[in-house]
PDB file of N, CA and C in Angstrom:
ATOM      1  N   MET A   1     116.218 102.463  83.986  1.00  0.00           N
ATOM      2  CA  MET A   1     115.019 102.556  84.063  1.00  0.00           C
ATOM      3  C   MET A   1     114.068 101.823  84.637  1.00  0.00           C
ATOM      4  N   PHE A   2     114.355 100.532  84.404  1.00  0.00           N
ATOM      5  CA  PHE A   2     113.675  99.860  85.419  1.00  0.00           C
ATOM      6  C   PHE A   2     113.909  99.261  86.707  1.00  0.00           C
ATOM      7  N   GLN A   3     115.416  99.841  87.475  1.00  0.00           N
ATOM      8  CA  GLN A   3     115.828  99.921  88.349  1.00  0.00           C
ATOM      9  C   GLN A   3     114.975 100.917  89.003  1.00  0.00           C
ATOM     10  N   ARG A   4     114.612 101.704  88.904  1.00  0.00           N
ATOM     11  CA  ARG A   4     114.245 103.133  89.318  1.00  0.00           C
ATOM     12  C   ARG A   4     112.445 102.608  89.345  1.00  0.00           C
ATOM     13  N   LEU A   5     111.974 102.017  88.848  1.00  0.00           N
ATOM     14  CA  LEU A   5     110.949 101.524  88.777  1.00  0.00           C
ATOM     15  C   LEU A   5     110.508 100.640  89.933  1.00  0.00           C
ATOM     16  N   LYS A   6     111.425  99.544  89.633  1.00  0.00           N
ATOM     17  CA  LYS A   6     111.479  98.653  90.677  1.00  0.00           C
ATOM     18  C   LYS A   6     111.856  99.228  92.250  1.00  0.00           C
ATOM     19  N   ASN A   7     112.401 100.318  92.183  1.00  0.00           N
ATOM     20  CA  ASN A   7     112.945 100.811  93.651  1.00  0.00           C
ATOM     21  C   ASN A   7     111.520 101.325  93.838  1.00  0.00           C
ATOM     22  N   SER A   8     110.821 102.077  93.073  1.00  0.00           N
ATOM     23  CA  SER A   8     109.416 102.816  93.230  1.00  0.00           C
ATOM     24  C   SER A   8     108.634 102.011  94.040  1.00  0.00           C
ATOM     25  N   PHE A   9     108.260 100.659  93.402  1.00  0.00           N
ATOM     26  CA  PHE A   9     107.496  99.290  93.831  1.00  0.00           C
ATOM     27  C   PHE A   9     108.178  99.122  95.653  1.00  0.00           C
ATOM     28  N   ARG A  10     109.242  98.780  95.578  1.00  0.00           N
ATOM     29  CA  ARG A  10     110.109  98.522  96.669  1.00  0.00           C
ATOM     30  C   ARG A  10     109.643  99.280  98.096  1.00  0.00           C
ATOM     31  N   TYR A  11     109.686 101.050  97.578  1.00  0.00           N
ATOM     32  CA  TYR A  11     109.328 102.251  98.857  1.00  0.00           C
ATOM     33  C   TYR A  11     108.226 101.856  98.856  1.00  0.00           C
ATOM     34  N   ALA A  12     107.295 101.765  97.809  1.00  0.00           N
ATOM     35  CA  ALA A  12     105.883 101.722  98.155  1.00  0.00           C
ATOM     36  C   ALA A  12     105.493 100.463  99.156  1.00  0.00           C
ATOM     37  N   LEU A  13     106.097  99.382  98.566  1.00  0.00           N
ATOM     38  CA  LEU A  13     105.518  98.362  99.449  1.00  0.00           C
ATOM     39  C   LEU A  13     106.104  98.418 101.129  1.00  0.00           C
ATOM     40  N   ARG A  14     106.901  99.055 100.927  1.00  0.00           N
ATOM     41  CA  ARG A  14     107.274  98.980 102.252  1.00  0.00           C
ATOM     42  C   ARG A  14     106.574 100.301 102.920  1.00  0.00           C
ATOM     43  N   GLY A  15     106.220 101.265 102.569  1.00  0.00           N
ATOM     44  CA  GLY A  15     105.482 102.148 103.093  1.00  0.00           C
ATOM     45  C   GLY A  15     103.958 101.069 103.497  1.00  0.00           C
ATOM     46  N   LEU A  16     103.658 100.174 102.757  1.00  0.00           N
ATOM     47  CA  LEU A  16     102.387  99.419 102.880  1.00  0.00           C
ATOM     48  C   LEU A  16     102.466  98.916 103.801  1.00  0.00           C
ATOM     49  N   ARG A  17     103.720  98.059 103.703  1.00  0.00           N
ATOM     50  CA  ARG A  17     103.866  97.094 105.131  1.00  0.00           C
ATOM     51  C   ARG A  17     104.294  98.046 106.535  1.00  0.00           C
ATOM     52  N   TYR A  18     104.639  99.431 106.501  1.00  0.00           N
ATOM     53  CA  TYR A  18     104.614  99.969 107.708  1.00  0.00           C
ATOM     54  C   TYR A  18     103.269 100.728 108.244  1.00  0.00           C
ATOM     55  N   ILE A  19     102.162 100.782 107.339  1.00  0.00           N
ATOM     56  CA  ILE A  19     100.791 101.267 107.375  1.00  0.00           C
ATOM     57  C   ILE A  19     100.387  99.976 108.316  1.00  0.00           C
ATOM     58  N   TRP A  20     100.358  99.111 107.237  1.00  0.00           N
ATOM     59  CA  TRP A  20      99.937  97.427 107.826  1.00  0.00           C
ATOM     60  C   TRP A  20     100.132  97.236 109.494  1.00  0.00           C
ATOM     61  N   GLN A  21     101.463  97.533 109.747  1.00  0.00           N
ATOM     62  CA  GLN A  21     102.394  97.240 110.890  1.00  0.00           C
ATOM     63  C   GLN A  21     101.616  97.620 111.957  1.00  0.00           C
ATOM     64  N   THR A  22     101.211  99.338 112.086  1.00  0.00           N
ATOM     65  CA  THR A  22     101.232 100.164 112.813  1.00  0.00           C
ATOM     66  C   THR A  22      99.614 100.633 112.684  1.00  0.00           C
ATOM     67  N   GLU A  23      98.958 101.057 112.241  1.00  0.00           N
ATOM     68  CA  GLU A  23      97.767 100.942 112.061  1.00  0.00           C
ATOM     69  C   GLU A  23      96.659 100.210 112.204  1.00  0.00           C
ATOM     70  N   GLN A  24      95.910 100.141 113.196  1.00  0.00           N
ATOM     71  CA  GLN A  24      94.845  98.664 113.357  1.00  0.00           C
ATOM     72  C   GLN A  24      93.877  98.998 112.338  1.00  0.00           C
ATOM     73  N   SER A  25      93.349 100.546 111.952  1.00  0.00           N
ATOM     74  CA  SER A  25      92.324 100.940 111.579  1.00  0.00           C
ATOM     75  C   SER A  25      92.455 100.658 109.919  1.00  0.00           C
ATOM     76  N   PHE A  26      93.525 100.578 109.391  1.00  0.00           N
ATOM     77  CA  PHE A  26      93.754  99.887 108.102  1.00  0.00           C
ATOM     78  C   PHE A  26      93.844  98.725 108.298  1.00  0.00           C
ATOM     79  N   ARG A  27      94.228  97.942 109.098  1.00  0.00           N
ATOM     80  CA  ARG A  27      94.144  96.697 109.045  1.00  0.00           C
ATOM     81  C   ARG A  27      92.847  96.282 109.027  1.00  0.00           C
ATOM     82  N   ILE A  28      92.153  96.574 109.638  1.00  0.00           N
ATOM     83  CA  ILE A  28      90.628  96.526 109.692  1.00  0.00           C
ATOM     84  C   ILE A  28      89.467  96.480 108.337  1.00  0.00           C
ATOM     85  N   GLN A  29      90.316  97.894 108.121  1.00  0.00           N
ATOM     86  CA  GLN A  29      89.559  98.474 106.535  1.00  0.00           C
ATOM     87  C   GLN A  29      90.058  97.479 105.942  1.00  0.00           C
ATOM     88  N   ALA A  30      91.058  96.720 105.619  1.00  0.00           N
ATOM     89  CA  ALA A  30      91.645  96.298 104.615  1.00  0.00           C
ATOM     90  C   ALA A  30      91.274  94.760 104.649  1.00  0.00           C
ATOM     91  N   LEU A  31      91.135  94.055 106.209  1.00  0.00           N
ATOM     92  CA  LEU A  31      90.551  92.572 105.838  1.00  0.00           C
ATOM     93  C   LEU A  31      88.780  92.746 105.498  1.00  0.00           C
ATOM     94  N   VAL A  32      88.009  94.222 105.759  1.00  0.00           N
ATOM     95  CA  VAL A  32      86.676  94.131 105.320  1.00  0.00           C
ATOM     96  C   VAL A  32      86.886  94.643 104.089  1.00  0.00           C
ATOM     97  N   ALA A  33      87.831  95.020 103.399  1.00  0.00           N
ATOM     98  CA  ALA A  33      88.105  95.030 102.080  1.00  0.00           C
ATOM     99  C   ALA A  33      87.878  93.900 101.379  1.00  0.00           C
ATOM    100  N   LEU A  34      88.658  92.901 102.129  1.00  0.00           N
ATOM    101  CA  LEU A  34      88.766  91.872 101.135  1.00  0.00           C
ATOM    102  C   LEU A  34      87.624  90.823 101.723  1.00  0.00           C
ATOM    103  N   VAL A  35      87.058  90.717 102.205  1.00  0.00           N
ATOM    104  CA  VAL A  35      85.495  90.200 102.678  1.00  0.00           C
ATOM    105  C   VAL A  35      84.709  90.673 101.527  1.00  0.00           C
ATOM    106  N   LEU A  36      84.394  91.836 101.293  1.00  0.00           N
ATOM    107  CA  LEU A  36      84.008  92.707 100.280  1.00  0.00           C
ATOM    108  C   LEU A  36      84.065  92.140  98.575  1.00  0.00           C
ATOM    109  N   ILE A  37      85.329  91.989  98.838  1.00  0.00           N
ATOM    110  CA  ILE A  37      85.899  91.645  97.350  1.00  0.00           C
ATOM    111  C   ILE A  37      86.126  90.207  96.998  1.00  0.00           C
ATOM    112  N   PHE A  38      85.594  89.603  98.088  1.00  0.00           N
ATOM    113  CA  PHE A  38      85.100  88.169  97.955  1.00  0.00           C
ATOM    114  C   PHE A  38      83.581  87.660  98.193  1.00  0.00           C
ATOM    115  N   ALA A  39      82.906  89.067  98.570  1.00  0.00           N
ATOM    116  CA  ALA A  39      81.592  88.946  98.392  1.00  0.00           C
ATOM    117  C   ALA A  39      81.382  89.341  96.732  1.00  0.00           C
ATOM    118  N   LEU A  40      81.930  90.123  96.012  1.00  0.00           N
ATOM    119  CA  LEU A  40      81.617  90.542  95.009  1.00  0.00           C
ATOM    120  C   LEU A  40      82.068  89.613  94.038  1.00  0.00           C
ATOM    121  N   LEU A  41      82.488  88.503  93.889  1.00  0.00           N
ATOM    122  CA  LEU A  41      82.764  87.569  93.393  1.00  0.00           C
ATOM    123  C   LEU A  41      81.663  86.639  93.444  1.00  0.00           C
ATOM    124  N   VAL A  42      81.442  86.175  94.736  1.00  0.00           N
ATOM    125  CA  VAL A  42      80.230  85.337  95.146  1.00  0.00           C
ATOM    126  C   VAL A  42      78.765  85.851  94.686  1.00  0.00           C
ATOM    127  N   LEU A  43      78.382  87.372  94.591  1.00  0.00           N
ATOM    128  CA  LEU A  43      77.114  87.723  94.455  1.00  0.00           C
ATOM    129  C   LEU A  43      76.740  88.237  93.134  1.00  0.00           C
ATOM    130  N   ASN A  44      78.231  88.054  92.183  1.00  0.00           N
ATOM    131  CA  ASN A  44      78.015  88.351  90.963  1.00  0.00           C
ATOM    132  C   ASN A  44      77.254  89.694  90.366  1.00  0.00           C
ATOM    133  N   PHE A  45      77.738  90.719  91.380  1.00  0.00           N
ATOM    134  CA  PHE A  45      77.318  92.311  90.849  1.00  0.00           C
ATOM    135  C   PHE A  45      77.673  92.316  89.411  1.00  0.00           C
ATOM    136  N   SER A  46      77.402  93.619  88.900  1.00  0.00           N
ATOM    137  CA  SER A  46      77.465  94.052  87.745  1.00  0.00           C
ATOM    138  C   SER A  46      78.905  94.579  87.625  1.00  0.00           C
ATOM    139  N   TYR A  47      79.371  94.759  86.566  1.00  0.00           N
ATOM    140  CA  TYR A  47      80.588  95.357  86.569  1.00  0.00           C
ATOM    141  C   TYR A  47      80.693  96.972  86.948  1.00  0.00           C
ATOM    142  N   VAL A  48      79.713  97.531  86.830  1.00  0.00           N
ATOM    143  CA  VAL A  48      79.548  98.787  87.255  1.00  0.00           C
ATOM    144  C   VAL A  48      79.319  99.214  88.750  1.00  0.00           C
ATOM    145  N   GLU A  49      79.059  97.812  89.611  1.00  0.00           N
ATOM    146  CA  GLU A  49      78.569  97.717  90.706  1.00  0.00           C
ATOM    147  C   GLU A  49      79.914  97.116  91.706  1.00  0.00           C
ATOM    148  N   ASP A  50      80.668  96.316  91.149  1.00  0.00           N
ATOM    149  CA  ASP A  50      81.882  95.916  91.249  1.00  0.00           C
ATOM    150  C   ASP A  50      82.711  97.083  91.238  1.00  0.00           C
ATOM    151  N   ALA A  51      83.012  97.896  90.003  1.00  0.00           N
ATOM    152  CA  ALA A  51      83.666  99.342  90.078  1.00  0.00           C
ATOM    153  C   ALA A  51      83.507 100.290  91.238  1.00  0.00           C
ATOM    154  N   ALA A  52      82.423 100.578  91.537  1.00  0.00           N
ATOM    155  CA  ALA A  52      81.992 101.463  92.395  1.00  0.00           C
ATOM    156  C   ALA A  52      82.258 100.785  93.846  1.00  0.00           C
ATOM    157  N   ILE A  53      81.847  99.966  94.098  1.00  0.00           N
ATOM    158  CA  ILE A  53      82.392  99.190  95.563  1.00  0.00           C
ATOM    159  C   ILE A  53      84.130  99.314  95.521  1.00  0.00           C
ATOM    160  N   ILE A  54      84.808  98.804  94.506  1.00  0.00           N
ATOM    161  CA  ILE A  54      86.256  98.620  94.753  1.00  0.00           C
ATOM    162  C   ILE A  54      86.562 100.086  94.810  1.00  0.00           C
ATOM    163  N   LEU A  55      85.864 101.413  94.043  1.00  0.00           N
ATOM    164  CA  LEU A  55      86.665 102.346  94.003  1.00  0.00           C
ATOM    165  C   LEU A  55      86.130 102.974  95.791  1.00  0.00           C
ATOM    166  N   ALA A  56      85.146 102.432  96.112  1.00  0.00           N
ATOM    167  CA  ALA A  56      84.661 103.310  97.426  1.00  0.00           C
ATOM    168  C   ALA A  56      85.864 102.443  98.084  1.00  0.00           C
ATOM    169  N   ILE A  57      86.521 101.285  98.276  1.00  0.00           N
ATOM    170  CA  ILE A  57      87.131 100.835  99.051  1.00  0.00           C
ATOM    171  C   ILE A  57      88.706 101.649  98.920  1.00  0.00           C
ATOM    172  N   ILE A  58      88.923 101.648  97.566  1.00  0.00           N
ATOM    173  CA  ILE A  58      90.171 102.497  97.355  1.00  0.00           C
ATOM    174  C   ILE A  58      90.031 103.538  98.380  1.00  0.00           C
ATOM    175  N   LEU A  59      89.047 104.452  98.240  1.00  0.00           N
ATOM    176  CA  LEU A  59      89.015 105.558  98.904  1.00  0.00           C
ATOM    177  C   LEU A  59      89.456 105.662 100.247  1.00  0.00           C
ATOM    178  N   VAL A  60      88.729 104.625 101.136  1.00  0.00           N
ATOM    179  CA  VAL A  60      89.073 104.614 102.268  1.00  0.00           C
ATOM    180  C   VAL A  60      90.199 104.233 102.470  1.00  0.00           C
ATOM    181  N   LEU A  61      91.074 103.215 101.779  1.00  0.00           N
ATOM    182  CA  LEU A  61      92.151 103.037 102.114  1.00  0.00           C
ATOM    183  C   LEU A  61      93.514 104.157 102.005  1.00  0.00           C
ATOM    184  N   VAL A  62      92.926 104.862 101.060  1.00  0.00           N
ATOM    185  CA  VAL A  62      93.831 105.982 100.852  1.00  0.00           C
ATOM    186  C   VAL A  62      93.553 107.014 101.740  1.00  0.00           C
ATOM    187  N   LEU A  63      92.367 107.113 102.242  1.00  0.00           N
ATOM    188  CA  LEU A  63      92.268 108.199 103.263  1.00  0.00           C
ATOM    189  C   LEU A  63      92.935 107.871 104.510  1.00  0.00           C
ATOM    190  N   GLU A  64      93.086 106.557 104.574  1.00  0.00           N
ATOM    191  CA  GLU A  64      93.781 106.075 106.212  1.00  0.00           C
ATOM    192  C   GLU A  64      95.020 106.327 105.743  1.00  0.00           C
ATOM    193  N   THR A  65      95.573 105.707 104.612  1.00  0.00           N
ATOM    194  CA  THR A  65      96.799 106.305 104.369  1.00  0.00           C
ATOM    195  C   THR A  65      97.000 107.505 104.555  1.00  0.00           C
ATOM    196  N   VAL A  66      96.513 108.503 104.235  1.00  0.00           N
ATOM    197  CA  VAL A  66      96.496 109.869 104.307  1.00  0.00           C
ATOM    198  C   VAL A  66      96.466 110.529 105.699  1.00  0.00           C
ATOM    199  N   ASN A  67      95.546 110.215 106.228  1.00  0.00           N
ATOM    200  CA  ASN A  67      95.740 110.267 107.562  1.00  0.00           C
ATOM    201  C   ASN A  67      97.071 109.986 108.721  1.00  0.00           C
ATOM    202  N   THR A  68      97.229 108.680 108.252  1.00  0.00           N
ATOM    203  CA  THR A  68      98.336 108.557 108.916  1.00  0.00           C
ATOM    204  C   THR A  68      99.690 109.361 108.587  1.00  0.00           C
ATOM    205  N   ILE A  69      99.652 109.180 107.514  1.00  0.00           N
ATOM    206  CA  ILE A  69     100.779 110.349 106.755  1.00  0.00           C
ATOM    207  C   ILE A  69     100.772 111.845 107.598  1.00  0.00           C
ATOM    208  N   VAL A  70      99.548 112.299 107.574  1.00  0.00           N
ATOM    209  CA  VAL A  70      99.199 113.501 108.302  1.00  0.00           C
ATOM    210  C   VAL A  70      99.611 113.772 110.052  1.00  0.00           C
ATOM    211  N   GLU A  71      99.217 112.796 110.386  1.00  0.00           N
ATOM    212  CA  GLU A  71      99.505 112.240 111.728  1.00  0.00           C
ATOM    213  C   GLU A  71     101.175 112.412 112.043  1.00  0.00           C
ATOM    214  N   LYS A  72     101.802 111.535 111.159  1.00  0.00           N
ATOM    215  CA  LYS A  72     103.180 111.431 111.281  1.00  0.00           C
ATOM    216  C   LYS A  72     104.009 112.518 111.276  1.00  0.00           C
ATOM    217  N   ILE A  73     103.398 113.671 110.151  1.00  0.00           N
ATOM    218  CA  ILE A  73     104.255 114.730 109.832  1.00  0.00           C
ATOM    219  C   ILE A  73     103.995 115.643 111.292  1.00  0.00           C
ATOM    220  N   LEU A  74     102.678 115.741 112.068  1.00  0.00           N
ATOM    221  CA  LEU A  74     102.265 116.463 112.474  1.00  0.00           C
ATOM    222  C   LEU A  74     103.240 116.240 113.767  1.00  0.00           C
ATOM    223  N   ASP A  75     103.162 114.606 114.345  1.00  0.00           N
ATOM    224  CA  ASP A  75     103.947 114.752 115.617  1.00  0.00           C
ATOM    225  C   ASP A  75     105.678 114.881 115.443  1.00  0.00           C
ATOM    226  N   ALA A  76     106.083 114.663 114.028  1.00  0.00           N
ATOM    227  CA  ALA A  76     107.500 115.407 114.016  1.00  0.00           C
ATOM    228  C   ALA A  76     107.671 116.493 114.377  1.00  0.00           C
ATOM    229  N   LEU A  77     106.707 117.509 113.535  1.00  0.00           N
ATOM    230  CA  LEU A  77     106.970 118.868 113.879  1.00  0.00           C
ATOM    231  C   LEU A  77     106.563 119.242 115.060  1.00  0.00           C
ATOM    232  N   LYS A  78     105.810 118.513 115.449  1.00  0.00           N
ATOM    233  CA  LYS A  78     105.046 119.618 117.008  1.00  0.00           C
ATOM    234  C   LYS A  78     105.000 118.170 117.860  1.00  0.00           C
ATOM    235  N   PRO A  79     105.555 117.576 118.318  1.00  0.00           N
ATOM    236  CA  PRO A  79     105.723 116.767 119.490  1.00  0.00           C
ATOM    237  C   PRO A  79     104.849 117.230 120.422  1.00  0.00           C
ATOM    238  N   GLY A  80     103.854 116.055 121.202  1.00  0.00           N
ATOM    239  CA  GLY A  80     103.494 116.722 122.526  1.00  0.00           C
ATOM    240  C   GLY A  80     101.947 116.778 122.109  1.00  0.00           C
ATOM    241  N   GLN A  81     101.535 117.692 123.003  1.00  0.00           N
ATOM    242  CA  GLN A  81     100.020 118.235 123.102  1.00  0.00           C
ATOM    243  C   GLN A  81     100.114 119.678 122.290  1.00  0.00           C
ATOM    244  N   ASP A  82      99.204 119.776 121.455  1.00  0.00           N
ATOM    245  CA  ASP A  82      99.204 121.306 120.928  1.00  0.00           C
ATOM    246  C   ASP A  82      97.877 121.207 119.928  1.00  0.00           C
ATOM    247  N   ASN A  83      97.055 122.287 120.666  1.00  0.00           N
ATOM    248  CA  ASN A  83      95.459 122.381 120.070  1.00  0.00           C
ATOM    249  C   ASN A  83      95.067 122.308 118.769  1.00  0.00           C
ATOM    250  N   LEU A  84      96.205 123.391 117.888  1.00  0.00           N
ATOM    251  CA  LEU A  84      95.777 122.729 116.450  1.00  0.00           C
ATOM    252  C   LEU A  84      96.402 121.922 115.978  1.00  0.00           C
ATOM    253  N   VAL A  85      97.616 121.006 116.381  1.00  0.00           N
ATOM    254  CA  VAL A  85      97.613 119.557 115.747  1.00  0.00           C
ATOM    255  C   VAL A  85      96.307 119.043 116.237  1.00  0.00           C
ATOM    256  N   GLY A  86      95.799 118.944 117.606  1.00  0.00           N
ATOM    257  CA  GLY A  86      94.919 118.109 117.516  1.00  0.00           C
ATOM    258  C   GLY A  86      93.917 118.611 116.784  1.00  0.00           C
ATOM    259  N   LYS A  87      93.501 119.529 116.331  1.00  0.00           N
ATOM    260  CA  LYS A  87      92.139 119.851 115.303  1.00  0.00           C
ATOM    261  C   LYS A  87      92.567 119.413 114.053  1.00  0.00           C
ATOM    262  N   ILE A  88      93.898 119.567 113.494  1.00  0.00           N
ATOM    263  CA  ILE A  88      93.990 119.065 112.518  1.00  0.00           C
ATOM    264  C   ILE A  88      94.115 116.955 112.600  1.00  0.00           C
ATOM    265  N   LYS A  89      94.445 116.734 113.608  1.00  0.00           N
ATOM    266  CA  LYS A  89      94.275 115.079 113.377  1.00  0.00           C
ATOM    267  C   LYS A  89      92.989 114.517 113.539  1.00  0.00           C
ATOM    268  N   ASP A  90      91.890 115.665 113.952  1.00  0.00           N
ATOM    269  CA  ASP A  90      90.566 115.433 114.108  1.00  0.00           C
ATOM    270  C   ASP A  90      89.926 115.446 113.185  1.00  0.00           C
ATOM    271  N   MET A  91      90.283 116.633 112.350  1.00  0.00           N
ATOM    272  CA  MET A  91      89.656 116.744 110.835  1.00  0.00           C
ATOM    273  C   MET A  91      90.173 115.657 109.845  1.00  0.00           C
ATOM    274  N   MET A  92      91.157 115.117 110.178  1.00  0.00           N
ATOM    275  CA  MET A  92      91.762 113.821 109.526  1.00  0.00           C
ATOM    276  C   MET A  92      91.063 112.922 109.189  1.00  0.00           C
ATOM    277  N   ALA A  93      90.771 112.659 110.920  1.00  0.00           N
ATOM    278  CA  ALA A  93      89.896 111.474 111.125  1.00  0.00           C
ATOM    279  C   ALA A  93      88.131 111.717 110.857  1.00  0.00           C
ATOM    280  N   ALA A  94      87.494 113.066 110.596  1.00  0.00           N
ATOM    281  CA  ALA A  94      86.692 113.150 109.887  1.00  0.00           C
ATOM    282  C   ALA A  94      86.512 112.690 108.417  1.00  0.00           C
ATOM    283  N   ALA A  95      87.773 113.367 107.841  1.00  0.00           N
ATOM    284  CA  ALA A  95      87.957 112.747 106.406  1.00  0.00           C
ATOM    285  C   ALA A  95      87.489 111.437 106.127  1.00  0.00           C
ATOM    286  N   VAL A  96      88.325 110.834 107.298  1.00  0.00           N
ATOM    287  CA  VAL A  96      88.184 109.138 106.872  1.00  0.00           C
ATOM    288  C   VAL A  96      86.882 108.841 107.424  1.00  0.00           C
ATOM    289  N   LEU A  97      86.084 109.352 108.105  1.00  0.00           N
ATOM    290  CA  LEU A  97      84.944 108.797 108.819  1.00  0.00           C
ATOM    291  C   LEU A  97      83.830 109.294 107.528  1.00  0.00           C
ATOM    292  N   VAL A  98      83.862 110.421 107.139  1.00  0.00           N
ATOM    293  CA  VAL A  98      82.916 110.463 105.557  1.00  0.00           C
ATOM    294  C   VAL A  98      83.321 109.896 104.497  1.00  0.00           C
ATOM    295  N   GLY A  99      84.819 109.423 104.409  1.00  0.00           N
ATOM    296  CA  GLY A  99      85.011 108.093 103.536  1.00  0.00           C
ATOM    297  C   GLY A  99      84.762 106.561 103.586  1.00  0.00           C
ATOM    298  N   SER A 100      84.419 106.689 104.912  1.00  0.00           N
ATOM    299  CA  SER A 100      83.978 105.207 105.392  1.00  0.00           C
ATOM    300  C   SER A 100      82.733 105.235 105.361  1.00  0.00           C
ATOM    301  N   SER A 101      82.190 106.279 105.610  1.00  0.00           N
ATOM    302  CA  SER A 101      80.372 106.386 105.804  1.00  0.00           C
ATOM    303  C   SER A 101      79.805 106.449 104.176  1.00  0.00           C
ATOM    304  N   GLY A 102      80.309 107.226 103.526  1.00  0.00           N
ATOM    305  CA  GLY A 102      80.062 106.938 101.745  1.00  0.00           C
ATOM    306  C   GLY A 102      80.208 105.516 101.325  1.00  0.00           C
ATOM    307  N   ALA A 103      81.730 105.019 101.266  1.00  0.00           N
ATOM    308  CA  ALA A 103      81.368 103.605 101.148  1.00  0.00           C
ATOM    309  C   ALA A 103      80.440 102.709 101.657  1.00  0.00           C
ATOM    310  N   LEU A 104      80.090 102.986 103.005  1.00  0.00           N
ATOM    311  CA  LEU A 104      78.797 101.961 103.472  1.00  0.00           C
ATOM    312  C   LEU A 104      77.767 102.268 102.539  1.00  0.00           C
ATOM    313  N   VAL A 105      77.362 103.754 102.129  1.00  0.00           N
ATOM    314  CA  VAL A 105      75.830 103.708 101.517  1.00  0.00           C
ATOM    315  C   VAL A 105      76.318 103.205 100.531  1.00  0.00           C
ATOM    316  N   ILE A 106      77.155 103.550  99.502  1.00  0.00           N
ATOM    317  CA  ILE A 106      77.559 102.878  97.966  1.00  0.00           C
ATOM    318  C   ILE A 106      77.385 101.461  98.189  1.00  0.00           C
ATOM    319  N   GLY A 107      78.114 100.604  99.425  1.00  0.00           N
ATOM    320  CA  GLY A 107      77.522  99.234  99.220  1.00  0.00           C
ATOM    321  C   GLY A 107      76.179  99.029  99.954  1.00  0.00           C
ATOM    322  N   LEU A 108      75.541  99.611 100.560  1.00  0.00           N
ATOM    323  CA  LEU A 108      74.323  99.151 100.999  1.00  0.00           C
ATOM    324  C   LEU A 108      73.349  99.151  99.874  1.00  0.00           C
ATOM    325  N   LEU A 109      73.366 100.677  98.968  1.00  0.00           N
ATOM    326  CA  LEU A 109      72.918 100.996  97.722  1.00  0.00           C
ATOM    327  C   LEU A 109      73.177  99.438  96.720  1.00  0.00           C
ATOM    328  N   THR A 110      74.044  99.521  96.758  1.00  0.00           N
ATOM    329  CA  THR A 110      74.092  98.369  95.544  1.00  0.00           C
ATOM    330  C   THR A 110      73.939  96.937  95.950  1.00  0.00           C
ATOM    331  N   VAL A 111      74.005  96.772  97.453  1.00  0.00           N
ATOM    332  CA  VAL A 111      73.417  95.161  98.012  1.00  0.00           C
ATOM    333  C   VAL A 111      72.019  95.247  98.055  1.00  0.00           C
ATOM    334  N   TRP A 112      71.371  96.413  97.924  1.00  0.00           N
ATOM    335  CA  TRP A 112      69.971  96.851  98.060  1.00  0.00           C
ATOM    336  C   TRP A 112      69.319  96.707  96.514  1.00  0.00           C
ATOM    337  N   HIS A 113      69.711  97.314  95.826  1.00  0.00           N
ATOM    338  CA  HIS A 113      69.634  97.331  94.469  1.00  0.00           C
ATOM    339  C   HIS A 113      69.533  96.033  93.808  1.00  0.00           C
ATOM    340  N   HIS A 114      70.751  95.214  94.501  1.00  0.00           N
ATOM    341  CA  HIS A 114      70.690  93.979  93.497  1.00  0.00           C
ATOM    342  C   HIS A 114      69.823  92.811  94.622  1.00  0.00           C
ATOM    343  N   PHE A 115      69.706  92.653  95.331  1.00  0.00           N
ATOM    344  CA  PHE A 115      68.496  92.156  96.146  1.00  0.00           C
ATOM    345  C   PHE A 115      67.248  92.423  96.021  1.00  0.00           C
ATOM    346  N   SER A 116      66.482  93.810  95.368  1.00  0.00           N
ATOM    347  CA  SER A 116      65.622  94.464  95.099  1.00  0.00           C
ATOM    348  C   SER A 116      65.079  93.924  93.715  1.00  0.00           C
ATOM    349  N   THR A 117      66.038  93.905  92.912  1.00  0.00           N
ATOM    350  CA  THR A 117      65.797  93.611  91.775  1.00  0.00           C
ATOM    351  C   THR A 117      66.192  91.737  91.181  1.00  0.00           C
ATOM    352  N   TYR A 118      66.177  91.212  92.310  1.00  0.00           N
ATOM    353  CA  TYR A 118      66.696  89.878  91.753  1.00  0.00           C
ATOM    354  C   TYR A 118      65.428  89.044  91.845  1.00  0.00           C
ATOM    355  N   LYS A 119      65.085  88.276  91.133  1.00  0.00           N
ATOM    356  CA  LYS A 119      64.129  87.652  90.995  1.00  0.00           C
ATOM    357  C   LYS A 119      63.926  86.002  90.957  1.00  0.00           C
TER     358      LYS A 119
END
């Protein structure tokens, strides 16, 4: 039982390492996430504000991971240029953009609220 759990973590970390090594967008987003987490510690937000920002960070990183998965599957199934594959990849990129934009809004609202009520 523990061996299966250990293997599950090993496989997940291997996948995370692959995404880190191959996806520049993921690396940038992860580094921004680290800066934001440091800022959360320094700025002393409420637990709810911390949770909202951390949830937004997770959303962006998960969307980027799913985007990578879909791209790899499509490239394996249909190598080369294909109009439908291109549209699907564009839609996945749009999903990441929407998630990232939402995370940015959450971050800006949180910071604005924090500093506008700070006395």
